[in-house]
Structure formats: C-alpha cells, structure tokens
Amino acid sequence: MQNGIIILDFGSQYNQLIARRIRDLGVYSEVLPFNTDLEEILARDPAGIILSGGPSSVNVENAHLVDAALFEKNIPVLGICYGMQLITHLLGGKVKKGVKGEYGKAQLQIEKTNSLLSGVGSKSTVWMSHFDEVETVPPGFTVNGRTDVISAISNEKEKIFCVQFHPEVSHTDEGARMIENFVFNICQAPKNWKLTNYIDETVTEIREKVGKDRVILGLSGGVDSSVAAVLIHKAIGAQLTCIFVDTGLMRKDEAEKVMKNYGDHFHLNIKLIDASERFLTKLKGISDPEQKRKIIGNEFVAVFDEESHKIEGAKFLAQGTIYPDVIESQSVKGPSAVIKSHHNVGGLPEELGFDLLEPLRELFKDEVRKVGEELGIPHHLVHRHPFPGPGLGIRILGEVDEEKVQILQKADDIFIEELYKNDLYDKVSQAFVVLLPVKSVGVMGDERTYEYTAVVRSANTIDFMTATFSKLPWDFLENISNRIINEVQGINRVAYDISSKPPATIEWE
C-alpha cells in the first residue's frame, strides 16, 4: 500500500507495537528488515520512515546500518533509540558508550520544542532502554530534550527527528501524542487503513487468485484459523474444505464445538479427523517437553498431509498466518536477549505441494479479532485465549496418557467456565490449568487419597513478551479449588501460579 509509514526493524522488541500504534490512527504501516533495498522502500512511496530501536551498537564491527542516501529523499524520518544513535552516527555526530545506561522510566526535560514534541509538557515520563548515548549531535541538528543524557534531537528543515526513548510504549506518558504528531503533522499521512475495506478487498483478491480451484485449510478452532476460514468461505463458499484434526489433546468437547460453531452456524465444509489414538500412542513413554512438541508437530503434518491429498482438485493450502508471524520470519534480528517461546505446532510446510493462501498476513492479532467480528463471528469465539498447538501435551507435565488428558480437560473446563460466569475471562489474557506429575496425600470424607496436583495459571499481558500473574479474587480462587477437587476425580490439591514472565514463561513447557 502506498503512502503508509514504514518501520525499519533493527531488532527492537517493540517494532510491532510501533506499527500497531500507527494503524490505530487509521494509517497503514508495515515493518521491513533494516537492510531492505532503498529502491524497494522508495517504490512504496512512504509518507514517512521510522528507524526502530535495537539491541546492538553503532560502534561495533558489522553494525546494522542503512543507506545514508535515505536522508536525502525528502521523506520525514523518525529515529527511535538505536534509530537515533544510527542517524547521529551516519550524519556526522558522535555516539559513545554509556557509563551506566538508562533502563525503565526517566524524566524528559524539553529544552526547545519542535514539530514532534508539539503539545508535549515541558516535563514528562518516558521509557528508556539503552546503554550507548549521543555525545555530539550531527551538524544542523538541535538538542530538544534531555533525561540524564541527550534524549531528543532534530533537524526540522530536513524533517529528521530522533528520540532516545520509546514513544510507542504506554509507559511514555505523551508518546501517543508524539506518534500522532509525526504521522499527521510531519508526514501528513492519509488515513488509508480501514478493516471493512480490507475485508472487501481481500474477498475480491481471493476470488481472483483461486478462480474455480479448491482450497483446503487446517482449522484448529483458534482465532486465526477460524477467521481465515470464515473470510475465505465468504469469498468462495463450497470451494473451501476445512480439515479439523482432533489430536486428543484439545480442550474438553472442542471437536464438537468447532463442528457446531463453524459447520452448523457458518455452513463451512469441515472434515473431522479423530486421530487421538494415533497421537497418544506416539507420545507413550515420552516425558521431555521438546520431544513431545516435535512428535505432536510431526504427527499433525503427517495426518494433515494424508487427509489433504484425499480432496480432489485442491490446489491451495490456506493458513491463518498473521503479520507478527511474517515480521518474525523476515526480520534480520540483532543479538536480542528477548525470551520468546514458540508453543504452536507451526505453519504447515510448503512441501505439501499446494500454493499458499494467507488472507490475514497483513493483520495484527487485534485486527484479526475485529475482522472476525465484522464477519459475524461471536465475541466469545474471536476473543478466545491463545491455545498452544501441541495442546494439553505441554500442559500435562511428564508423560501424557488418556487418563491424564481427561482429568486435565475437566479441571480446565471448570476454570474457564467460572471465569466466564464471574465476568473475568476478558479481563485476563490467558488462563488454563496444568497437571503436575506429582501426587500427594489428601483426605476426602473418611478416605485417604493419593492423587495429582493441579496448578491454575492466569496471566495478564499486552504483547505476550512480558506478563504478570492475574490478581484474581481470593474467594474466586477458593471456589475454583473446591470445584476442581470435588468434581474431578484424580486431583486432590490445587495451587495458583503467581510467577511473572520473565523469569517464568506463561506456559509451563
């Protein structure tokens, strides 16, 4: 899309957040690797360019750089964190190694305002994450603000603006105003991003691309694959066949619910494959979490491959790939210390022999949810919490068997049911129960028991890169514990996980 804002990615954990903030303003934005060819960038006719932060230093060998000719094209540029240091370095200033760095909240004192800082108070809280710092600004640049270091500079005439802090994060009090100033006042970007238009345009594109051929899609019941399925069905109807593989590691009654929600209600053609025995047999005797993931992932691909080639005339494989997946696969990352665990089975391999159809590949997760609602998918379905591709296989610690799956399904179902009943489900980001390979002594009635321990996990997060445990009411947790112990045979002890990420991850395996 022309006239959007391009974010060049230098490995910042916040680059997706920058793009989302801009799209929230109704302006198209996309993230490209920092080493994207300048001609390719210019071909998009961007209204503005943002150089993201990153974990590297401009002073090291093989530093991540851009073509300095970028600054001669009369395109507004905003450098954030590493982006500010890079602009300084390339345009004749000096960046030095910091004495102690700045991390977390800091106070920005504005010395001289500019178009980016218009309307921002003379003192405000900003979010810092850097070690190197600007020592000398490039010729023609003005120092606009400081924290403990030079933190805002600009060359207003050349439309180049730099900040050492992160305006895209919520911890920067007036960051939203700064981004809005850059997008509209400096770049004069058009409002060209509307999801209803996206649906209409995508439906047309799918029809043109697919023609009279057939499309198959691996439907999991999760948000991304479900929205992709309904969107493609809107475009080509019965030419789409969905394959739902029941691994035996799904939520309680998941297969039945998917068939009802998407088969009966949306009239999707769904082929249900019960492969539960096959998966559980493969997992017998396996305790290592990485081994379990690989077994489940490989078996899923094998089952899908077998079933997909039974569908005559299928040329396209549709997937619920979304924009963060695209960014993750294309970005040239620096030596980032970001901890990111991948829990999904992952995309199906291209070797299956189909052409790919990915109608959601330009959308962020929140945009996918909005598209789902526009398509008429009920709120409770498009706002479901994430569920890992390996399913309960990584929520049952240690060896997996049918008895443990049934125990965990019942316990998890009680927890989710109570979250909905108490209007808490949409207030937490991800909630589930984990079954430990640990038994303990208990007493039920006059009987001594020796049964499993379950752990209740609920986390709150914005981006799933960091998370805090949900501070659920004590009486609610007490009720959950009582219900699980009384109603689920096999569990006699319930604990609540109060770990944050980091150092813990949200999932246990």
Protein backbone atom coordinates (compact mmCIF):
# COMPACT_ATOMS: atom_id res chain seq x y z
CA MET A 1 0.00 0.00 0.00
CA GLN A 2 1.29 3.46 -0.93
CA ASN A 3 1.69 6.47 1.41
CA GLY A 4 1.94 4.46 4.60
CA ILE A 5 4.59 4.59 7.33
CA ILE A 6 7.47 2.13 7.01
CA ILE A 7 9.24 0.88 10.14
CA LEU A 8 12.75 -0.42 9.53
CA ASP A 9 13.44 -3.17 12.04
CA PHE A 10 16.79 -3.24 13.84
CA GLY A 11 15.75 -5.97 16.28
CA SER A 12 13.57 -3.98 18.66
CA GLN A 13 11.10 -5.94 20.75
CA TYR A 14 8.71 -3.02 20.23
CA ASN A 15 8.68 -2.74 16.42
CA GLN A 16 5.29 -4.44 16.11
CA LEU A 17 3.92 -2.09 18.73
CA ILE A 18 5.02 0.94 16.67
CA ALA A 19 3.16 -0.42 13.64
CA ARG A 20 0.02 -1.13 15.67
CA ARG A 21 0.01 2.35 17.20
CA ILE A 22 0.08 3.86 13.69
CA ARG A 23 -2.64 1.56 12.37
CA ASP A 24 -4.79 2.53 15.36
CA LEU A 25 -4.64 6.06 13.91
CA GLY A 26 -6.13 4.75 10.65
CA VAL A 27 -2.84 4.90 8.74
CA TYR A 28 -1.25 1.89 7.05
CA SER A 29 2.12 0.81 8.44
CA GLU A 30 4.43 -2.09 7.76
CA VAL A 31 7.66 -3.45 9.21
CA LEU A 32 10.60 -4.23 6.92
CA PRO A 33 14.11 -5.53 7.74
CA PHE A 34 16.63 -2.71 8.20
CA ASN A 35 18.64 -3.92 5.20
CA THR A 36 15.74 -3.71 2.75
CA ASP A 37 17.00 -2.22 -0.50
CA LEU A 38 16.44 1.55 -0.67
CA GLU A 39 14.77 1.27 -4.08
CA GLU A 40 12.28 -1.23 -2.65
CA ILE A 41 11.47 1.20 0.18
CA LEU A 42 11.04 4.13 -2.21
CA ALA A 43 8.80 2.03 -4.51
CA ARG A 44 6.23 2.00 -1.69
CA ASP A 45 6.16 5.83 -1.77
CA PRO A 46 6.12 6.07 2.04
CA ALA A 47 4.72 9.13 3.79
CA GLY A 48 7.36 8.63 6.47
CA ILE A 49 10.01 6.21 7.75
CA ILE A 50 10.74 5.13 11.32
CA LEU A 51 14.05 3.56 12.35
CA SER A 52 13.26 1.26 15.26
CA GLY A 53 15.30 0.54 18.34
CA GLY A 54 17.58 -2.45 18.60
CA PRO A 55 19.98 -4.21 20.97
CA SER A 56 23.18 -3.50 19.02
CA SER A 57 25.68 -0.62 18.99
CA VAL A 58 26.52 1.61 16.02
CA ASN A 59 30.17 1.46 17.04
CA VAL A 60 30.70 -2.28 16.62
CA GLU A 61 32.03 -4.07 13.57
CA ASN A 62 29.23 -5.12 11.19
CA ALA A 63 26.80 -2.72 12.86
CA HIS A 64 23.30 -2.64 11.42
CA LEU A 65 23.23 0.37 9.10
CA VAL A 66 21.05 1.92 6.39
CA ASP A 67 21.98 3.67 3.15
CA ALA A 68 22.69 7.30 4.14
CA ALA A 69 21.01 8.32 0.86
CA LEU A 70 17.74 7.60 2.67
CA PHE A 71 18.06 11.00 4.37
CA GLU A 72 18.31 12.82 1.03
CA LYS A 73 14.89 11.78 -0.32
CA ASN A 74 12.81 14.47 1.42
CA ILE A 75 10.92 11.78 3.35
CA PRO A 76 10.29 12.51 7.05
CA VAL A 77 12.31 10.20 9.30
CA LEU A 78 11.90 9.37 12.99
CA GLY A 79 14.74 7.57 14.77
CA ILE A 80 13.84 5.76 17.99
CA CYS A 81 16.54 4.60 20.47
CA TYR A 82 19.07 2.76 18.25
CA GLY A 83 17.50 4.70 15.35
CA MET A 84 18.55 7.98 16.99
CA GLN A 85 22.10 6.73 17.53
CA LEU A 86 22.28 5.48 13.94
CA ILE A 87 21.16 8.81 12.48
CA THR A 88 23.69 10.58 14.69
CA HIS A 89 26.44 8.20 13.57
CA LEU A 90 25.64 8.42 9.84
CA LEU A 91 25.16 12.19 9.69
CA GLY A 92 28.35 13.30 11.43
CA GLY A 93 27.59 13.23 15.14
CA LYS A 94 29.19 11.02 17.78
CA VAL A 95 27.80 8.15 19.81
CA LYS A 96 29.70 6.95 22.87
CA LYS A 97 29.44 4.01 25.20
CA GLY A 98 27.33 4.95 28.20
CA VAL A 99 28.63 4.92 31.74
CA LYS A 100 25.64 3.08 33.19
CA GLY A 101 22.83 3.21 30.63
CA GLU A 102 19.20 4.09 31.25
CA TYR A 103 16.51 1.45 31.65
CA GLY A 104 12.90 1.97 32.63
CA LYS A 105 11.20 5.24 33.46
CA ALA A 106 13.04 8.57 33.19
CA GLN A 107 12.09 12.24 33.23
CA LEU A 108 12.32 14.08 29.94
CA GLN A 109 13.02 17.83 30.20
CA ILE A 110 12.25 19.66 26.96
CA GLU A 111 14.77 22.42 26.20
CA LYS A 112 13.43 23.50 22.81
CA THR A 113 10.21 22.18 21.30
CA ASN A 114 9.78 21.02 17.71
CA SER A 115 7.03 19.57 15.48
CA LEU A 116 7.38 16.13 17.05
CA LEU A 117 7.12 17.45 20.62
CA SER A 118 4.37 19.98 19.91
CA GLY A 119 1.83 19.97 22.74
CA VAL A 120 4.06 17.83 24.99
CA GLY A 121 4.61 19.18 28.51
CA SER A 122 7.99 20.59 29.47
CA LYS A 123 8.50 17.62 31.84
CA SER A 124 7.12 14.14 31.28
CA THR A 125 7.85 10.48 31.98
CA VAL A 126 9.43 8.44 29.17
CA TRP A 127 10.57 4.82 28.84
CA MET A 128 14.27 4.21 28.29
CA SER A 129 16.17 1.10 27.22
CA HIS A 130 19.71 1.90 26.08
CA PHE A 131 23.39 1.78 27.01
CA ASP A 132 25.10 3.87 24.31
CA GLU A 133 24.32 7.59 24.19
CA VAL A 134 24.68 10.57 21.87
CA GLU A 135 27.71 12.67 22.79
CA THR A 136 27.70 15.16 19.89
CA VAL A 137 24.72 15.88 17.64
CA PRO A 138 25.21 15.98 13.83
CA PRO A 139 25.67 19.37 12.07
CA GLY A 140 22.35 21.13 11.58
CA PHE A 141 20.67 19.30 14.49
CA THR A 142 19.22 20.88 17.63
CA VAL A 143 19.09 19.33 21.11
CA ASN A 144 15.40 19.37 22.02
CA GLY A 145 15.34 17.44 25.29
CA ARG A 146 17.37 15.58 27.90
CA THR A 147 16.96 12.96 30.59
CA ASP A 148 20.33 12.03 32.11
CA VAL A 149 21.57 12.17 28.51
CA ILE A 150 20.65 13.88 25.24
CA SER A 151 17.27 12.30 24.54
CA ALA A 152 15.60 14.31 21.74
CA ILE A 153 17.23 15.97 18.73
CA SER A 154 16.01 17.15 15.34
CA ASN A 155 16.80 18.79 12.06
CA GLU A 156 13.43 20.40 11.42
CA LYS A 157 14.43 21.67 7.98
CA GLU A 158 15.33 18.15 6.75
CA LYS A 159 12.33 16.60 8.61
CA ILE A 160 14.55 14.30 10.66
CA PHE A 161 13.53 13.71 14.29
CA CYS A 162 15.15 11.49 16.90
CA VAL A 163 14.27 10.35 20.41
CA GLN A 164 16.32 8.13 22.70
CA PHE A 165 13.21 6.85 24.50
CA HIS A 166 10.32 4.68 23.25
CA PRO A 167 7.20 6.76 22.46
CA GLU A 168 5.29 3.63 21.36
CA VAL A 169 5.06 2.07 24.85
CA SER A 170 2.35 3.03 27.30
CA HIS A 171 4.97 3.93 29.96
CA THR A 172 5.88 7.05 27.92
CA ASP A 173 3.15 9.40 29.11
CA GLU A 174 2.86 11.53 25.98
CA GLY A 175 4.21 9.04 23.46
CA ALA A 176 0.87 8.70 21.66
CA ARG A 177 0.84 12.45 21.02
CA MET A 178 4.39 12.30 19.61
CA ILE A 179 3.50 9.47 17.22
CA GLU A 180 0.36 11.34 16.13
CA ASN A 181 2.46 14.48 15.56
CA PHE A 182 4.88 12.53 13.39
CA VAL A 183 2.23 10.72 11.38
CA PHE A 184 -0.12 13.62 10.69
CA ASN A 185 1.69 16.93 11.29
CA ILE A 186 5.11 15.95 9.93
CA CYS A 187 4.36 13.17 7.41
CA GLN A 188 0.84 14.35 6.55
CA ALA A 189 -0.03 10.70 6.04
CA PRO A 190 -3.50 9.90 4.67
CA LYS A 191 -6.00 7.85 6.69
CA ASN A 192 -5.91 4.83 4.41
CA TRP A 193 -6.39 1.86 6.74
CA LYS A 194 -9.90 0.58 7.46
CA LEU A 195 -10.71 -3.05 8.21
CA THR A 196 -14.07 -3.08 6.42
CA ASN A 197 -12.23 -2.06 3.24
CA TYR A 198 -9.67 -4.76 3.97
CA ILE A 199 -12.38 -7.44 4.04
CA ASP A 200 -13.93 -6.34 0.73
CA GLU A 201 -10.54 -6.06 -1.00
CA THR A 202 -9.34 -9.42 0.37
CA VAL A 203 -12.53 -11.23 -0.69
CA THR A 204 -12.03 -9.88 -4.23
CA GLU A 205 -8.34 -10.91 -4.22
CA ILE A 206 -9.18 -14.45 -3.02
CA ARG A 207 -11.76 -14.91 -5.77
CA GLU A 208 -9.34 -13.71 -8.43
CA LYS A 209 -6.46 -15.85 -7.15
CA VAL A 210 -8.42 -19.07 -6.56
CA GLY A 211 -10.69 -19.00 -9.60
CA LYS A 212 -12.52 -22.32 -9.78
CA ASP A 213 -9.91 -24.32 -7.85
CA ARG A 214 -10.39 -25.80 -4.38
CA VAL A 215 -8.81 -24.61 -1.14
CA ILE A 216 -8.04 -26.64 2.00
CA LEU A 217 -7.43 -25.15 5.43
CA GLY A 218 -6.29 -26.65 8.73
CA LEU A 219 -8.97 -25.46 11.15
CA SER A 220 -7.91 -25.57 14.80
CA GLY A 221 -10.75 -23.67 16.45
CA GLY A 222 -8.32 -20.90 17.38
CA VAL A 223 -8.87 -17.29 16.41
CA ASP A 224 -6.54 -17.03 13.40
CA SER A 225 -7.55 -20.18 11.52
CA SER A 226 -11.24 -19.60 12.28
CA VAL A 227 -11.26 -16.01 10.97
CA ALA A 228 -9.27 -17.10 7.90
CA ALA A 229 -11.79 -19.90 7.26
CA VAL A 230 -14.86 -17.64 7.51
CA LEU A 231 -13.22 -14.94 5.35
CA ILE A 232 -12.25 -17.44 2.62
CA HIS A 233 -15.71 -19.05 2.79
CA LYS A 234 -17.24 -15.61 2.27
CA ALA A 235 -15.18 -15.35 -0.92
CA ILE A 236 -15.50 -18.84 -2.45
CA GLY A 237 -18.11 -20.76 -0.43
CA ALA A 238 -18.10 -24.53 -1.02
CA GLN A 239 -14.73 -24.42 -2.81
CA LEU A 240 -13.18 -24.37 0.69
CA THR A 241 -12.73 -27.58 2.68
CA CYS A 242 -11.54 -27.32 6.28
CA ILE A 243 -9.70 -30.17 7.97
CA PHE A 244 -10.01 -30.37 11.74
CA VAL A 245 -7.53 -32.82 13.25
CA ASP A 246 -8.59 -33.93 16.74
CA THR A 247 -5.26 -34.79 18.33
CA GLY A 248 -6.89 -35.96 21.54
CA LEU A 249 -5.05 -33.09 23.24
CA MET A 250 -7.71 -30.43 22.73
CA ARG A 251 -9.94 -28.63 25.20
CA LYS A 252 -12.98 -30.52 26.51
CA ASP A 253 -15.53 -31.14 23.72
CA GLU A 254 -13.50 -28.96 21.32
CA ALA A 255 -14.24 -31.01 18.20
CA GLU A 256 -17.98 -30.97 18.90
CA LYS A 257 -17.92 -27.20 19.50
CA VAL A 258 -15.97 -26.47 16.29
CA MET A 259 -18.40 -28.54 14.20
CA LYS A 260 -21.34 -26.72 15.77
CA ASN A 261 -19.88 -23.19 15.65
CA TYR A 262 -18.38 -23.29 12.18
CA GLY A 263 -20.11 -26.20 10.50
CA ASP A 264 -23.71 -25.68 11.58
CA HIS A 265 -23.66 -21.90 12.06
CA PHE A 266 -21.38 -20.73 9.21
CA HIS A 267 -22.04 -23.76 6.96
CA LEU A 268 -18.35 -24.43 6.46
CA ASN A 269 -17.43 -27.77 4.90
CA ILE A 270 -15.39 -29.38 7.70
CA LYS A 271 -13.73 -32.78 7.57
CA LEU A 272 -13.28 -34.02 11.15
CA ILE A 273 -10.38 -36.44 11.65
CA ASP A 274 -10.24 -38.23 15.00
CA ALA A 275 -6.52 -39.01 15.34
CA SER A 276 -6.44 -39.03 19.14
CA GLU A 277 -5.38 -42.67 19.49
CA ARG A 278 -2.61 -42.13 16.95
CA PHE A 279 -1.16 -39.13 18.84
CA LEU A 280 -1.41 -40.73 22.29
CA THR A 281 0.32 -43.88 21.03
CA LYS A 282 3.22 -41.80 19.65
CA LEU A 283 3.54 -39.96 22.99
CA LYS A 284 3.65 -43.10 25.12
CA GLY A 285 6.70 -43.09 27.39
CA ILE A 286 7.81 -39.59 26.35
CA SER A 287 8.40 -37.00 29.11
CA ASP A 288 10.78 -34.47 27.56
CA PRO A 289 8.82 -31.33 26.55
CA GLU A 290 10.83 -30.66 23.39
CA GLN A 291 10.39 -34.26 22.25
CA LYS A 292 6.67 -34.05 22.90
CA ARG A 293 6.40 -30.87 20.82
CA LYS A 294 8.28 -32.43 17.89
CA ILE A 295 6.24 -35.63 17.98
CA ILE A 296 2.94 -33.73 18.04
CA GLY A 297 4.05 -31.32 15.32
CA ASN A 298 5.37 -34.05 13.02
CA GLU A 299 2.32 -36.23 13.52
CA PHE A 300 -0.01 -33.31 12.82
CA VAL A 301 1.72 -32.64 9.50
CA ALA A 302 1.60 -36.35 8.62
CA VAL A 303 -2.14 -36.63 9.35
CA PHE A 304 -2.92 -33.41 7.50
CA ASP A 305 -0.84 -34.48 4.51
CA GLU A 306 -2.68 -37.80 4.26
CA GLU A 307 -6.11 -36.21 4.51
CA SER A 308 -5.48 -33.19 2.32
CA HIS A 309 -4.44 -35.31 -0.66
CA LYS A 310 -7.74 -37.17 -0.49
CA ILE A 311 -9.52 -33.95 -1.51
CA GLU A 312 -9.76 -33.88 -5.30
CA GLY A 313 -8.94 -30.69 -7.16
CA ALA A 314 -7.32 -28.96 -4.17
CA LYS A 315 -4.70 -26.50 -5.36
CA PHE A 316 -4.40 -24.03 -2.46
CA LEU A 317 -3.42 -24.51 1.18
CA ALA A 318 -4.85 -21.71 3.34
CA GLN A 319 -3.25 -20.76 6.65
CA GLY A 320 -4.06 -18.30 9.41
CA THR A 321 -0.64 -16.63 9.16
CA ILE A 322 -0.81 -13.15 10.71
CA TYR A 323 1.51 -10.15 10.45
CA PRO A 324 3.63 -10.85 13.56
CA ASP A 325 4.45 -14.27 12.01
CA VAL A 326 5.56 -12.51 8.82
CA ILE A 327 7.68 -9.99 10.73
CA GLU A 328 9.28 -12.74 12.80
CA SER A 329 10.22 -14.74 9.71
CA GLN A 330 11.56 -11.83 7.63
CA SER A 331 13.32 -9.71 10.22
CA VAL A 332 17.07 -9.60 10.49
CA LYS A 333 17.43 -9.73 14.26
CA GLY A 334 20.31 -8.44 16.25
CA PRO A 335 21.71 -10.22 19.31
CA SER A 336 18.48 -9.62 21.18
CA ALA A 337 18.09 -11.05 24.65
CA VAL A 338 14.31 -11.29 24.20
CA ILE A 339 12.93 -14.54 25.59
CA LYS A 340 10.28 -15.92 23.29
CA SER A 341 8.95 -19.45 23.49
CA HIS A 342 7.15 -20.85 20.46
CA HIS A 343 4.31 -23.13 21.55
CA ASN A 344 2.44 -23.54 18.27
CA VAL A 345 2.68 -26.58 16.06
CA GLY A 346 3.58 -24.01 13.44
CA GLY A 347 2.68 -23.46 9.82
CA LEU A 348 2.28 -26.44 7.54
CA PRO A 349 5.30 -26.97 5.30
CA GLU A 350 5.18 -25.79 1.71
CA GLU A 351 6.44 -29.24 0.64
CA LEU A 352 2.86 -30.50 0.92
CA GLY A 353 2.58 -29.40 -2.72
CA PHE A 354 -0.04 -26.64 -2.58
CA ASP A 355 0.02 -22.94 -3.37
CA LEU A 356 -0.26 -20.86 -0.18
CA LEU A 357 -3.24 -18.64 0.58
CA GLU A 358 -2.74 -16.39 3.63
CA PRO A 359 -5.52 -13.77 3.78
CA LEU A 360 -4.59 -12.45 7.24
CA ARG A 361 -0.85 -11.98 6.68
CA GLU A 362 -1.11 -8.16 6.86
CA LEU A 363 -3.06 -8.08 10.14
CA PHE A 364 -2.08 -7.90 13.78
CA LYS A 365 -3.94 -10.08 16.30
CA ASP A 366 -6.28 -7.34 17.48
CA GLU A 367 -7.11 -6.55 13.84
CA VAL A 368 -7.84 -10.23 13.17
CA ARG A 369 -10.32 -10.17 16.05
CA LYS A 370 -12.01 -7.06 14.61
CA VAL A 371 -12.25 -8.69 11.18
CA GLY A 372 -13.78 -11.75 12.85
CA GLU A 373 -16.45 -9.63 14.50
CA GLU A 374 -17.11 -7.80 11.20
CA LEU A 375 -17.67 -11.23 9.63
CA GLY A 376 -20.23 -12.08 12.30
CA ILE A 377 -18.17 -14.48 14.43
CA PRO A 378 -19.44 -14.20 18.03
CA HIS A 379 -17.37 -12.19 20.51
CA HIS A 380 -16.58 -15.17 22.74
CA LEU A 381 -15.02 -17.04 19.81
CA VAL A 382 -12.83 -14.25 18.41
CA HIS A 383 -11.67 -13.28 21.89
CA ARG A 384 -10.63 -16.77 22.97
CA HIS A 385 -7.36 -17.02 24.82
CA PRO A 386 -4.38 -18.48 22.94
CA PHE A 387 -4.13 -22.24 22.98
CA PRO A 388 -0.79 -23.92 22.18
CA GLY A 389 -0.51 -26.01 19.03
CA PRO A 390 0.70 -29.07 21.00
CA GLY A 391 -2.38 -28.56 23.17
CA LEU A 392 -2.61 -30.33 26.50
CA GLY A 393 0.52 -32.26 25.56
CA ILE A 394 2.57 -29.43 27.07
CA ARG A 395 0.14 -28.71 29.92
CA ILE A 396 0.47 -32.27 31.21
CA LEU A 397 3.99 -32.26 32.60
CA GLY A 398 5.81 -35.52 32.06
CA GLU A 399 4.30 -38.47 30.19
CA VAL A 400 0.90 -37.98 28.53
CA ASP A 401 -1.86 -40.59 28.58
CA GLU A 402 -5.61 -40.66 28.04
CA GLU A 403 -6.47 -40.65 31.76
CA LYS A 404 -4.40 -37.53 32.42
CA VAL A 405 -5.90 -35.79 29.37
CA GLN A 406 -9.42 -36.40 30.64
CA ILE A 407 -8.52 -35.22 34.15
CA LEU A 408 -6.98 -32.01 32.81
CA GLN A 409 -9.82 -31.35 30.36
CA LYS A 410 -12.36 -31.44 33.18
CA ALA A 411 -10.29 -29.24 35.50
CA ASP A 412 -9.53 -26.69 32.77
CA ASP A 413 -13.19 -26.58 31.71
CA ILE A 414 -14.25 -25.72 35.27
CA PHE A 415 -11.72 -22.87 35.46
CA ILE A 416 -12.76 -21.36 32.11
CA GLU A 417 -16.46 -21.76 32.93
CA GLU A 418 -16.02 -19.89 36.22
CA LEU A 419 -14.02 -17.11 34.55
CA TYR A 420 -16.93 -16.51 32.16
CA LYS A 421 -19.51 -16.82 34.93
CA ASN A 422 -17.71 -14.20 37.06
CA ASP A 423 -17.07 -11.81 34.13
CA LEU A 424 -13.30 -12.32 34.40
CA TYR A 425 -12.46 -14.11 31.13
CA ASP A 426 -11.99 -10.95 29.04
CA LYS A 427 -10.08 -9.27 31.89
CA VAL A 428 -7.21 -11.76 31.75
CA SER A 429 -5.02 -12.58 28.73
CA GLN A 430 -4.51 -16.31 29.07
CA ALA A 431 -5.85 -18.78 31.62
CA PHE A 432 -5.54 -22.55 31.94
CA VAL A 433 -4.79 -25.45 34.26
CA VAL A 434 -1.57 -27.50 34.35
CA LEU A 435 -1.40 -31.09 35.60
CA LEU A 436 1.79 -31.96 37.51
CA PRO A 437 3.39 -35.41 37.60
CA VAL A 438 3.24 -35.11 41.37
CA LYS A 439 0.88 -36.94 43.71
CA SER A 440 0.19 -36.02 47.32
CA VAL A 441 -1.83 -37.34 50.21
CA GLY A 442 -5.30 -35.94 50.82
CA VAL A 443 -8.48 -36.76 52.71
CA MET A 444 -11.94 -36.88 51.12
CA GLY A 445 -14.68 -37.92 53.53
CA ASP A 446 -13.13 -40.61 55.64
CA GLU A 447 -10.98 -41.85 52.79
CA ARG A 448 -7.26 -41.25 52.35
CA THR A 449 -6.41 -40.18 48.78
CA TYR A 450 -3.19 -40.11 46.82
CA GLU A 451 -3.83 -38.06 43.69
CA TYR A 452 -2.44 -35.45 41.29
CA THR A 453 -1.73 -31.80 41.89
CA ALA A 454 -3.20 -29.21 39.51
CA VAL A 455 -1.86 -25.69 39.06
CA VAL A 456 -4.14 -22.86 37.98
CA ARG A 457 -2.39 -20.28 35.76
CA SER A 458 -3.75 -16.88 34.70
CA ALA A 459 -1.62 -14.14 33.16
CA ASN A 460 -2.11 -10.56 32.07
CA THR A 461 -0.10 -9.14 29.19
CA ILE A 462 -0.20 -6.71 26.28
CA ASP A 463 2.25 -8.36 23.91
CA PHE A 464 2.93 -11.82 25.48
CA MET A 465 6.62 -10.93 25.66
CA THR A 466 6.26 -9.95 29.29
CA ALA A 467 3.40 -10.87 31.60
CA THR A 468 2.25 -10.65 35.20
CA PHE A 469 0.10 -13.17 37.04
CA SER A 470 -3.56 -12.16 37.31
CA LYS A 471 -4.56 -10.93 40.75
CA LEU A 472 -7.78 -12.93 40.86
CA PRO A 473 -10.07 -12.58 43.93
CA TRP A 474 -9.36 -14.99 46.78
CA ASP A 475 -12.97 -16.15 47.02
CA PHE A 476 -12.95 -16.89 43.28
CA LEU A 477 -9.76 -18.98 43.61
CA GLU A 478 -11.21 -20.76 46.64
CA ASN A 479 -14.28 -21.70 44.61
CA ILE A 480 -12.11 -22.95 41.72
CA SER A 481 -10.11 -25.14 44.10
CA ASN A 482 -13.25 -26.56 45.73
CA ARG A 483 -14.93 -27.32 42.41
CA ILE A 484 -11.89 -28.99 40.85
CA ILE A 485 -11.16 -31.16 43.91
CA ASN A 486 -14.80 -32.13 44.39
CA GLU A 487 -15.72 -32.67 40.73
CA VAL A 488 -12.56 -34.02 39.12
CA GLN A 489 -11.57 -37.50 40.21
CA GLY A 490 -7.78 -37.70 40.19
CA ILE A 491 -6.96 -34.27 41.68
CA ASN A 492 -6.82 -33.59 45.41
CA ARG A 493 -4.67 -30.46 45.55
CA VAL A 494 -4.82 -27.14 43.64
CA ALA A 495 -2.12 -24.43 43.58
CA TYR A 496 -2.11 -20.96 41.98
CA ASP A 497 0.88 -19.88 39.91
CA ILE A 498 1.99 -16.36 40.92
CA SER A 499 5.07 -16.21 38.66
CA SER A 500 5.60 -13.39 36.17
CA LYS A 501 7.28 -13.55 32.75
CA PRO A 502 10.23 -13.22 32.91
CA PRO A 503 11.68 -15.14 34.68
CA ALA A 504 8.95 -17.75 34.13
CA THR A 505 7.17 -18.33 30.83
CA ILE A 506 3.37 -18.31 30.56
CA GLU A 507 3.16 -21.97 29.57
CA TRP A 508 4.93 -24.47 31.81
CA GLU A 509 6.57 -26.41 28.99
